Amino acid sequence: QVQLVEPGGGLVQAGGSLSLSCAASGRTLSNYAMGWFRQAPGKEREFVAAINYSGVTTYYGDSVKGRFSISRDNAKNMVYLQKNSLRPEDTDVYYCADDATRVVVTTADFVTWGQGAQVAVSS
């Protein structure tokens, strides 16, 4: 079965950095655009970042532009989210997801989701 696993969560002080990874099994990620989303308790899921199938094109939510960076290594079947200048409001569960359209057009195309990585940012 398809699994997306996101190790790398943890507790970080405000202003610090954290890297998240998304490892895939049962699916070749080079055939997919990939995205990162986050969700806090009681909040709607928020788009964080996305990357097209080849890694050439990236997209970011307004709240993370200039601070987060998405990348991928298709040879390793992984995607990454580098998070810098973290703020307490970045405290969320972060999910990776894939998009079989291979390009990023709408968040509705992300249909397979990982289990989530808890990230807490302390003030």
Protein backbone atom coordinates (compact mmCIF):
# COMPACT_ATOMS: atom_id res chain seq x y z
CA GLN A 1 0.00 0.00 0.00
CA VAL A 2 1.02 3.58 -0.49
CA GLN A 3 2.53 5.22 2.55
CA LEU A 4 3.92 8.68 3.08
CA VAL A 5 5.90 9.03 6.29
CA GLU A 6 7.08 12.34 7.70
CA PRO A 7 9.86 11.98 10.25
CA GLY A 8 11.52 15.07 11.62
CA GLY A 9 8.98 16.71 13.86
CA GLY A 10 9.87 18.05 17.23
CA LEU A 11 10.10 21.00 19.55
CA VAL A 12 11.97 24.07 18.36
CA GLN A 13 12.54 27.48 19.86
CA ALA A 14 11.24 30.51 18.04
CA GLY A 15 13.74 31.67 15.47
CA GLY A 16 15.14 28.21 15.06
CA SER A 17 15.06 25.83 12.15
CA LEU A 18 13.73 22.39 11.50
CA SER A 19 13.84 20.03 8.56
CA LEU A 20 11.02 17.67 7.73
CA SER A 21 11.23 14.74 5.38
CA CYS A 22 8.59 12.77 3.57
CA ALA A 23 9.54 9.25 2.58
CA ALA A 24 7.37 7.30 0.21
CA SER A 25 6.80 3.61 -0.17
CA GLY A 26 4.62 1.99 -2.77
CA ARG A 27 4.79 5.00 -5.02
CA THR A 28 7.42 6.61 -7.22
CA LEU A 29 7.33 10.25 -6.26
CA SER A 30 8.93 11.41 -9.48
CA ASN A 31 5.52 10.87 -11.03
CA TYR A 32 3.87 13.28 -8.61
CA ALA A 33 3.85 16.83 -7.57
CA MET A 34 4.30 17.00 -3.81
CA GLY A 35 3.03 19.33 -1.19
CA TRP A 36 3.27 20.17 2.47
CA PHE A 37 0.28 21.22 4.50
CA ARG A 38 -0.27 21.93 8.15
CA GLN A 39 -3.15 21.87 10.53
CA ALA A 40 -3.54 23.00 14.11
CA PRO A 41 -6.29 21.80 16.43
CA GLY A 42 -9.53 23.52 15.57
CA LYS A 43 -8.07 25.10 12.46
CA GLU A 44 -8.49 24.46 8.77
CA ARG A 45 -5.76 22.72 6.89
CA GLU A 46 -3.34 25.26 5.48
CA PHE A 47 -1.24 25.03 2.35
CA VAL A 48 2.44 25.43 3.12
CA ALA A 49 4.47 24.55 0.04
CA ALA A 50 4.40 22.49 -3.11
CA ILE A 51 6.82 21.34 -5.76
CA ASN A 52 6.23 19.96 -9.20
CA TYR A 53 7.27 16.48 -10.21
CA SER A 54 10.76 17.41 -11.35
CA GLY A 55 11.55 19.96 -8.66
CA VAL A 56 11.83 22.82 -11.11
CA THR A 57 8.86 24.80 -9.83
CA THR A 58 7.95 25.55 -6.24
CA TYR A 59 5.06 27.31 -4.55
CA TYR A 60 4.60 28.66 -1.05
CA GLY A 61 1.82 29.83 1.12
CA ASP A 62 1.94 33.49 2.02
CA SER A 63 2.57 32.78 5.68
CA VAL A 64 5.81 30.90 5.01
CA LYS A 65 7.31 32.66 2.01
CA GLY A 66 10.92 33.53 2.61
CA ARG A 67 11.18 31.17 5.58
CA PHE A 68 10.39 27.69 4.32
CA SER A 69 11.86 25.83 1.40
CA ILE A 70 10.55 22.70 -0.27
CA SER A 71 12.82 20.39 -2.20
CA ARG A 72 12.85 16.86 -3.49
CA ASP A 73 15.25 14.08 -4.27
CA ASN A 74 13.52 11.78 -6.68
CA ALA A 75 16.43 9.33 -6.64
CA LYS A 76 15.74 8.81 -2.93
CA ASN A 77 11.98 8.99 -3.35
CA MET A 78 11.78 11.77 -0.79
CA VAL A 79 10.67 15.34 -0.39
CA TYR A 80 11.79 17.82 2.22
CA LEU A 81 10.65 20.93 3.95
CA GLN A 82 13.29 23.20 5.42
CA LYS A 83 11.74 25.50 7.97
CA ASN A 84 13.67 28.55 9.11
CA SER A 85 12.86 31.52 11.31
CA LEU A 86 10.18 29.52 13.05
CA ARG A 87 7.43 31.29 14.91
CA PRO A 88 5.03 30.02 17.57
CA GLU A 89 2.25 30.22 15.03
CA ASP A 90 4.10 27.60 12.99
CA THR A 91 3.12 25.06 15.63
CA ASP A 92 1.09 22.50 13.73
CA VAL A 93 0.92 18.98 12.50
CA TYR A 94 2.61 18.94 9.13
CA TYR A 95 1.54 16.59 6.39
CA CYS A 96 3.03 15.72 3.06
CA ALA A 97 0.79 14.80 0.18
CA ASP A 98 1.09 13.85 -3.45
CA ASP A 99 -0.61 15.00 -6.62
CA ALA A 100 -0.87 12.71 -9.62
CA THR A 101 -1.33 15.63 -12.01
CA ARG A 102 2.45 16.14 -11.62
CA VAL A 103 2.06 19.89 -11.58
CA VAL A 104 0.59 22.23 -9.00
CA VAL A 105 -2.70 23.75 -10.06
CA THR A 106 -5.04 23.33 -7.11
CA THR A 107 -4.69 21.89 -3.64
CA ALA A 108 -7.68 19.68 -4.39
CA ASP A 109 -5.38 17.50 -6.49
CA PHE A 110 -3.41 16.39 -3.45
CA VAL A 111 -5.15 13.16 -2.56
CA THR A 112 -2.70 10.89 -0.72
CA TRP A 113 -1.64 12.11 2.69
CA GLY A 114 1.00 11.17 5.18
CA GLN A 115 0.32 10.57 8.85
CA GLY A 116 1.69 13.91 9.96
CA ALA A 117 4.63 15.24 11.93
CA GLN A 118 4.02 17.29 15.04
CA VAL A 119 6.01 20.49 15.18
CA ALA A 120 5.89 22.74 18.22
CA VAL A 121 7.57 26.13 18.31
CA SER A 122 8.09 27.67 21.71
CA SER A 123 8.30 31.37 22.35
